[in-house]
C-alpha atoms as a PDB file:
ATOM      1  CA  MET A   1      -9.719   1.731  45.306  1.00  0.00           C
ATOM      2  CA  TRP A   2     -10.496   3.341  41.872  1.00  0.00           C
ATOM      3  CA  GLY A   3     -13.705   5.790  41.396  1.00  0.00           C
ATOM      4  CA  ILE A   4     -15.736   5.659  38.262  1.00  0.00           C
ATOM      5  CA  ASN A   5     -14.256   8.451  37.062  1.00  0.00           C
ATOM      6  CA  LYS A   6     -10.474   7.523  37.708  1.00  0.00           C
ATOM      7  CA  PHE A   7     -11.707   3.725  35.906  1.00  0.00           C
ATOM      8  CA  LEU A   8     -13.747   5.411  32.943  1.00  0.00           C
ATOM      9  CA  ARG A   9     -10.161   8.120  32.293  1.00  0.00           C
ATOM     10  CA  ALA A  10      -7.521   4.981  32.663  1.00  0.00           C
ATOM     11  CA  VAL A  11      -9.601   2.150  31.315  1.00  0.00           C
ATOM     12  CA  ILE A  12     -12.769   2.786  28.564  1.00  0.00           C
ATOM     13  CA  PHE A  13     -11.182   7.154  27.753  1.00  0.00           C
ATOM     14  CA  PRO A  14      -7.636   6.377  27.977  1.00  0.00           C
ATOM     15  CA  LYS A  15      -5.464   9.826  27.560  1.00  0.00           C
ATOM     16  CA  GLU A  16      -4.160  11.101  24.074  1.00  0.00           C
ATOM     17  CA  LYS A  17      -0.718   9.996  23.930  1.00  0.00           C
ATOM     18  CA  ASN A  18       1.706  12.807  25.214  1.00  0.00           C
ATOM     19  CA  GLN A  19       4.982  13.884  23.313  1.00  0.00           C
ATOM     20  CA  GLU A  20       7.201  10.984  24.447  1.00  0.00           C
ATOM     21  CA  GLU A  21       4.678   8.073  23.206  1.00  0.00           C
ATOM     22  CA  MET A  22       4.247   9.774  19.303  1.00  0.00           C
ATOM     23  CA  MET A  23       6.341   7.774  16.849  1.00  0.00           C
ATOM     24  CA  ASN A  24       8.820  10.748  15.308  1.00  0.00           C
ATOM     25  CA  GLU A  25      10.658  11.282  12.104  1.00  0.00           C
ATOM     26  CA  ASN A  26      14.067   9.848  14.250  1.00  0.00           C
ATOM     27  CA  ASP A  27      12.811   6.576  15.324  1.00  0.00           C
ATOM     28  CA  PHE A  28      11.915   5.820  12.006  1.00  0.00           C
ATOM     29  CA  SER A  29      15.212   6.123  10.511  1.00  0.00           C
ATOM     30  CA  GLY A  30      16.775   2.965  11.563  1.00  0.00           C
ATOM     31  CA  ARG A  31      16.530  -0.634  10.632  1.00  0.00           C
ATOM     32  CA  TYR A  32      13.243  -2.783  11.292  1.00  0.00           C
ATOM     33  CA  ALA A  33      12.958  -6.306  12.162  1.00  0.00           C
ATOM     34  CA  ILE A  34       9.187  -7.662  10.479  1.00  0.00           C
ATOM     35  CA  GLY A  35       9.066  -8.205  14.619  1.00  0.00           C
ATOM     36  CA  LYS A  36       9.196  -4.204  15.476  1.00  0.00           C
ATOM     37  CA  VAL A  37       7.587  -3.622  11.847  1.00  0.00           C
ATOM     38  CA  ARG A  38       4.231  -5.195  13.193  1.00  0.00           C
ATOM     39  CA  GLN A  39       4.374  -4.527  16.795  1.00  0.00           C
ATOM     40  CA  ILE A  40       4.554  -0.628  15.277  1.00  0.00           C
ATOM     41  CA  ALA A  41       1.692  -1.789  13.251  1.00  0.00           C
ATOM     42  CA  GLU A  42      -0.658  -3.444  15.742  1.00  0.00           C
ATOM     43  CA  GLU A  43      -0.030   0.082  18.370  1.00  0.00           C
ATOM     44  CA  LEU A  44      -1.093   2.438  15.607  1.00  0.00           C
ATOM     45  CA  SER A  45      -4.532   4.380  17.069  1.00  0.00           C
ATOM     46  CA  CYS A  46      -7.132   4.650  15.112  1.00  0.00           C
ATOM     47  CA  ASP A  47      -7.885   8.193  15.164  1.00  0.00           C
ATOM     48  CA  GLY A  48      -5.882   9.083  12.008  1.00  0.00           C
ATOM     49  CA  ALA A  49      -3.350  11.039  13.442  1.00  0.00           C
ATOM     50  CA  GLU A  50      -0.513   8.227  13.411  1.00  0.00           C
ATOM     51  CA  ILE A  51      -1.801   7.779   9.858  1.00  0.00           C
ATOM     52  CA  LYS A  52      -1.320  11.114   8.660  1.00  0.00           C
ATOM     53  CA  LEU A  53       2.165  11.287  10.427  1.00  0.00           C
ATOM     54  CA  LEU A  54       3.418   8.091   8.606  1.00  0.00           C
ATOM     55  CA  MET A  55       1.709   9.656   5.013  1.00  0.00           C
ATOM     56  CA  ASP A  56       3.601  12.770   5.586  1.00  0.00           C
ATOM     57  CA  TRP A  57       6.928  10.640   6.041  1.00  0.00           C
ATOM     58  CA  LEU A  58       5.515   8.674   3.358  1.00  0.00           C
ATOM     59  CA  GLN A  59       5.609  11.417   0.661  1.00  0.00           C
ATOM     60  CA  HIS A  60       7.842  14.075   1.795  1.00  0.00           C
ATOM     61  CA  SER A  61      11.124  12.703   4.092  1.00  0.00           C
ATOM     62  CA  SER A  62      14.242  13.360   2.616  1.00  0.00           C
ATOM     63  CA  ASP A  63      15.424   9.818   4.161  1.00  0.00           C
ATOM     64  CA  LYS A  64      14.759   7.122   2.307  1.00  0.00           C
ATOM     65  CA  ARG A  65      14.802   4.388   5.423  1.00  0.00           C
ATOM     66  CA  VAL A  66      12.378   6.939   7.212  1.00  0.00           C
ATOM     67  CA  ARG A  67      10.016   6.454   3.647  1.00  0.00           C
ATOM     68  CA  MET A  68      10.388   2.999   3.677  1.00  0.00           C
ATOM     69  CA  ASN A  69       9.944   2.211   6.935  1.00  0.00           C
ATOM     70  CA  ALA A  70       6.254   4.078   6.585  1.00  0.00           C
ATOM     71  CA  ALA A  71       5.334   2.442   3.936  1.00  0.00           C
ATOM     72  CA  TRP A  72       6.298  -1.033   5.571  1.00  0.00           C
ATOM     73  CA  VAL A  73       4.120   0.211   8.593  1.00  0.00           C
ATOM     74  CA  LEU A  74       1.250   0.827   6.454  1.00  0.00           C
ATOM     75  CA  ASN A  75       1.479  -2.621   4.719  1.00  0.00           C
ATOM     76  CA  ASN A  76       1.480  -4.738   8.161  1.00  0.00           C
ATOM     77  CA  MET A  77      -1.166  -3.027   9.705  1.00  0.00           C
ATOM     78  CA  ASP A  78      -4.876  -4.946   9.636  1.00  0.00           C
ATOM     79  CA  ARG A  79      -6.229  -4.953   6.084  1.00  0.00           C
ATOM     80  CA  LYS A  80      -9.300  -3.405   6.876  1.00  0.00           C
ATOM     81  CA  THR A  81      -8.550  -1.214   9.118  1.00  0.00           C
ATOM     82  CA  ARG A  82      -5.299  -0.303   6.593  1.00  0.00           C
ATOM     83  CA  THR A  83      -7.968  -0.103   3.922  1.00  0.00           C
ATOM     84  CA  ARG A  84     -10.324   2.230   6.040  1.00  0.00           C
ATOM     85  CA  LEU A  85      -8.416   5.049   7.224  1.00  0.00           C
ATOM     86  CA  LEU A  86      -5.767   5.179   4.043  1.00  0.00           C
ATOM     87  CA  LEU A  87      -8.853   5.742   1.781  1.00  0.00           C
ATOM     88  CA  PRO A  88      -8.936   9.199   1.830  1.00  0.00           C
ATOM     89  CA  TYR A  89      -5.109   9.210   0.896  1.00  0.00           C
ATOM     90  CA  ARG A  90      -5.911   6.699  -2.403  1.00  0.00           C
ATOM     91  CA  ASP A  91      -4.603  10.089  -4.582  1.00  0.00           C
ATOM     92  CA  GLU A  92      -1.814  10.443  -2.679  1.00  0.00           C
ATOM     93  CA  LEU A  93      -0.632   7.046  -3.037  1.00  0.00           C
ATOM     94  CA  THR A  94      -1.765   6.543  -6.216  1.00  0.00           C
ATOM     95  CA  ASP A  95       0.448   9.609  -7.092  1.00  0.00           C
ATOM     96  CA  LEU A  96       3.273   8.134  -5.524  1.00  0.00           C
ATOM     97  CA  ALA A  97       3.099   4.751  -7.327  1.00  0.00           C
ATOM     98  CA  MET A  98       3.841   6.462 -10.123  1.00  0.00           C
ATOM     99  CA  CYS A  99       6.702   8.246  -9.092  1.00  0.00           C
ATOM    100  CA  ASP A 100      10.625   7.501  -8.425  1.00  0.00           C
ATOM    101  CA  LEU A 101      10.521   5.973  -5.128  1.00  0.00           C
ATOM    102  CA  PRO A 102      13.455   5.600  -2.819  1.00  0.00           C
ATOM    103  CA  PHE A 103      12.020   1.853  -2.175  1.00  0.00           C
ATOM    104  CA  ARG A 104      10.081  -0.808  -3.998  1.00  0.00           C
ATOM    105  CA  ARG A 105       7.471   0.094  -5.945  1.00  0.00           C
ATOM    106  CA  LYS A 106       5.295  -2.998  -4.628  1.00  0.00           C
ATOM    107  CA  MET A 107       4.620  -1.451  -1.088  1.00  0.00           C
ATOM    108  CA  ILE A 108       2.279   0.940  -2.670  1.00  0.00           C
ATOM    109  CA  LEU A 109       1.043  -1.021  -5.339  1.00  0.00           C
ATOM    110  CA  SER A 110       0.015  -3.570  -2.425  1.00  0.00           C
ATOM    111  CA  LEU A 111      -1.820  -0.738  -0.699  1.00  0.00           C
ATOM    112  CA  LEU A 112      -3.837  -0.073  -3.468  1.00  0.00           C
ATOM    113  CA  LEU A 113      -4.997  -2.986  -4.759  1.00  0.00           C
ATOM    114  CA  ASP A 114      -6.902  -3.114  -1.295  1.00  0.00           C
ATOM    115  CA  PHE A 115      -8.640  -0.449  -2.310  1.00  0.00           C
ATOM    116  CA  PRO A 116     -12.895  -0.982  -3.476  1.00  0.00           C
ATOM    117  CA  VAL A 117     -12.704  -0.129  -7.454  1.00  0.00           C
ATOM    118  CA  ASP A 118     -15.068   2.828  -7.398  1.00  0.00           C
ATOM    119  CA  ASN A 119     -16.643   4.793 -10.771  1.00  0.00           C
ATOM    120  CA  ASN A 120     -13.209   6.956 -11.318  1.00  0.00           C
ATOM    121  CA  PRO A 121     -11.082   4.673 -11.809  1.00  0.00           C
ATOM    122  CA  ARG A 122      -7.388   6.910 -12.188  1.00  0.00           C
ATOM    123  CA  ILE A 123      -6.852   6.111 -15.554  1.00  0.00           C
ATOM    124  CA  ASP A 124      -3.566   7.499 -15.655  1.00  0.00           C
ATOM    125  CA  LEU A 125      -2.821   4.494 -12.554  1.00  0.00           C
ATOM    126  CA  LEU A 126      -3.974   2.007 -15.376  1.00  0.00           C
ATOM    127  CA  ASP A 127      -2.115   3.250 -18.239  1.00  0.00           C
ATOM    128  CA  TYR A 128       0.896   3.174 -15.736  1.00  0.00           C
ATOM    129  CA  CYS A 129       0.710  -0.567 -14.982  1.00  0.00           C
ATOM    130  CA  LEU A 130      -0.131  -1.448 -18.541  1.00  0.00           C
ATOM    131  CA  GLY A 131       3.034   0.528 -19.846  1.00  0.00           C
ATOM    132  CA  HIS A 132       5.197  -0.722 -16.938  1.00  0.00           C
ATOM    133  CA  LEU A 133       4.148  -4.123 -16.407  1.00  0.00           C
ATOM    134  CA  CYS A 134       6.578  -5.550 -19.534  1.00  0.00           C
ATOM    135  CA  ASP A 135       9.298  -3.304 -18.392  1.00  0.00           C
ATOM    136  CA  GLU A 136      12.247  -5.567 -16.901  1.00  0.00           C
ATOM    137  CA  LYS A 137      13.535  -2.109 -14.981  1.00  0.00           C
ATOM    138  CA  GLU A 138      10.804  -2.835 -12.960  1.00  0.00           C
ATOM    139  CA  SER A 139      11.674  -5.787  -9.884  1.00  0.00           C
ATOM    140  CA  PRO A 140       9.188  -8.698 -10.524  1.00  0.00           C
ATOM    141  CA  SER A 141       7.198  -8.589  -7.706  1.00  0.00           C
ATOM    142  CA  SER A 142       6.137  -4.619  -8.454  1.00  0.00           C
ATOM    143  CA  ARG A 143       4.934  -5.675 -12.387  1.00  0.00           C
ATOM    144  CA  ALA A 144       3.242  -8.672 -10.482  1.00  0.00           C
ATOM    145  CA  PHE A 145       1.224  -6.101  -8.435  1.00  0.00           C
ATOM    146  CA  MET A 146       0.916  -4.226 -11.769  1.00  0.00           C
ATOM    147  CA  ILE A 147      -1.050  -6.930 -12.789  1.00  0.00           C
ATOM    148  CA  TYR A 148      -3.352  -7.470 -10.557  1.00  0.00           C
ATOM    149  CA  LEU A 149      -3.988  -4.103 -10.422  1.00  0.00           C
ATOM    150  CA  ALA A 150      -4.417  -3.328 -13.663  1.00  0.00           C
ATOM    151  CA  ALA A 151      -6.840  -6.537 -14.088  1.00  0.00           C
ATOM    152  CA  LYS A 152      -8.435  -5.452 -11.072  1.00  0.00           C
ATOM    153  CA  MET A 153      -9.398  -1.771 -12.687  1.00  0.00           C
ATOM    154  CA  CYS A 154     -10.236  -3.084 -16.520  1.00  0.00           C
ATOM    155  CA  LYS A 155     -12.512  -6.310 -15.320  1.00  0.00           C
ATOM    156  CA  PRO A 156     -15.403  -3.526 -15.201  1.00  0.00           C
ATOM    157  CA  TYR A 157     -14.739  -2.773 -18.862  1.00  0.00           C
ATOM    158  CA  PRO A 158     -14.222  -5.963 -21.139  1.00  0.00           C
ATOM    159  CA  GLU A 159     -12.599  -4.011 -23.733  1.00  0.00           C
ATOM    160  CA  LEU A 160      -9.623  -2.695 -21.298  1.00  0.00           C
ATOM    161  CA  TYR A 161      -9.904  -6.171 -20.044  1.00  0.00           C
ATOM    162  CA  ALA A 162      -9.201  -8.034 -23.845  1.00  0.00           C
ATOM    163  CA  GLU A 163      -5.951  -5.482 -24.028  1.00  0.00           C
ATOM    164  CA  LEU A 164      -4.545  -6.420 -20.740  1.00  0.00           C
ATOM    165  CA  LEU A 165      -4.987 -10.320 -21.724  1.00  0.00           C
ATOM    166  CA  ASN A 166      -3.396  -9.135 -25.188  1.00  0.00           C
ATOM    167  CA  MET A 167      -0.316  -7.333 -23.408  1.00  0.00           C
ATOM    168  CA  LEU A 168      -0.021 -10.643 -20.894  1.00  0.00           C
ATOM    169  CA  ASP A 169       0.350 -12.971 -24.035  1.00  0.00           C
ATOM    170  CA  MET A 170       3.154 -10.669 -25.467  1.00  0.00           C
ATOM    171  CA  LEU A 171       5.393 -11.539 -21.806  1.00  0.00           C
ATOM    172  CA  PRO A 172       8.267 -13.725 -22.532  1.00  0.00           C
ATOM    173  CA  ALA A 173       7.312 -17.879 -21.962  1.00  0.00           C
ATOM    174  CA  VAL A 174       9.808 -17.640 -19.266  1.00  0.00           C
ATOM    175  CA  LEU A 175       9.653 -14.979 -16.104  1.00  0.00           C
ATOM    176  CA  PRO A 176      10.077 -15.294 -12.570  1.00  0.00           C
ATOM    177  CA  PRO A 177       7.755 -17.044 -10.700  1.00  0.00           C
ATOM    178  CA  SER A 178       5.963 -14.191  -9.433  1.00  0.00           C
ATOM    179  CA  ILE A 179       4.934 -12.972 -12.993  1.00  0.00           C
ATOM    180  CA  ALA A 180       4.192 -15.757 -13.875  1.00  0.00           C
ATOM    181  CA  CYS A 181       1.601 -16.729 -11.432  1.00  0.00           C
ATOM    182  CA  ALA A 182       0.129 -13.271 -11.543  1.00  0.00           C
ATOM    183  CA  LYS A 183      -0.398 -13.631 -15.759  1.00  0.00           C
ATOM    184  CA  ARG A 184      -1.863 -17.141 -14.862  1.00  0.00           C
ATOM    185  CA  LYS A 185      -4.580 -15.601 -12.003  1.00  0.00           C
ATOM    186  CA  VAL A 186      -5.860 -12.981 -14.091  1.00  0.00           C
ATOM    187  CA  LYS A 187      -6.055 -14.934 -17.009  1.00  0.00           C
ATOM    188  CA  GLY A 188      -8.031 -17.891 -14.714  1.00  0.00           C
ATOM    189  CA  ASN A 189     -10.572 -15.106 -13.700  1.00  0.00           C
ATOM    190  CA  MET A 190     -11.260 -13.798 -16.994  1.00  0.00           C
ATOM    191  CA  PRO A 191     -15.272 -12.255 -16.802  1.00  0.00           C
END
């Protein structure tokens, strides 16, 4: 029969993960199916230690597959939990979005898009988005996320929003579907 202390330790206050149960970088170096990524995302603890570990791998791992898998897991977390746990890393994610990445930039931009707009937006990120949304070297999905992110950052400032709309008008008439959809949505939600 279980005593109350044993029940509390096992069910209410489970022990922390031991060293074998913690994620390690070698496990993240393989190819993952979406089911496995979602399973890892659901099993992440909400104490922030595993998020810090994933952020460290995302920023500093020498293995590009580990960096991509870390970004993929973060993108597949529950949106509210992800936003709450990643908010302290907003500046690191912003810096990461503007540097050369070994995977698609859209993964980082989608994380940034979930954050609320604060009173001190990162102007360098806005400049980057405005400067690269017409750049055909970027993937169409990354360019679409740049349009959404720039619109979100410009919305409180009518002059900047007008500049964004002018840039969108300069895009060619024939666009990939993701960019055309982003352009149409941003123009439809004008302030």
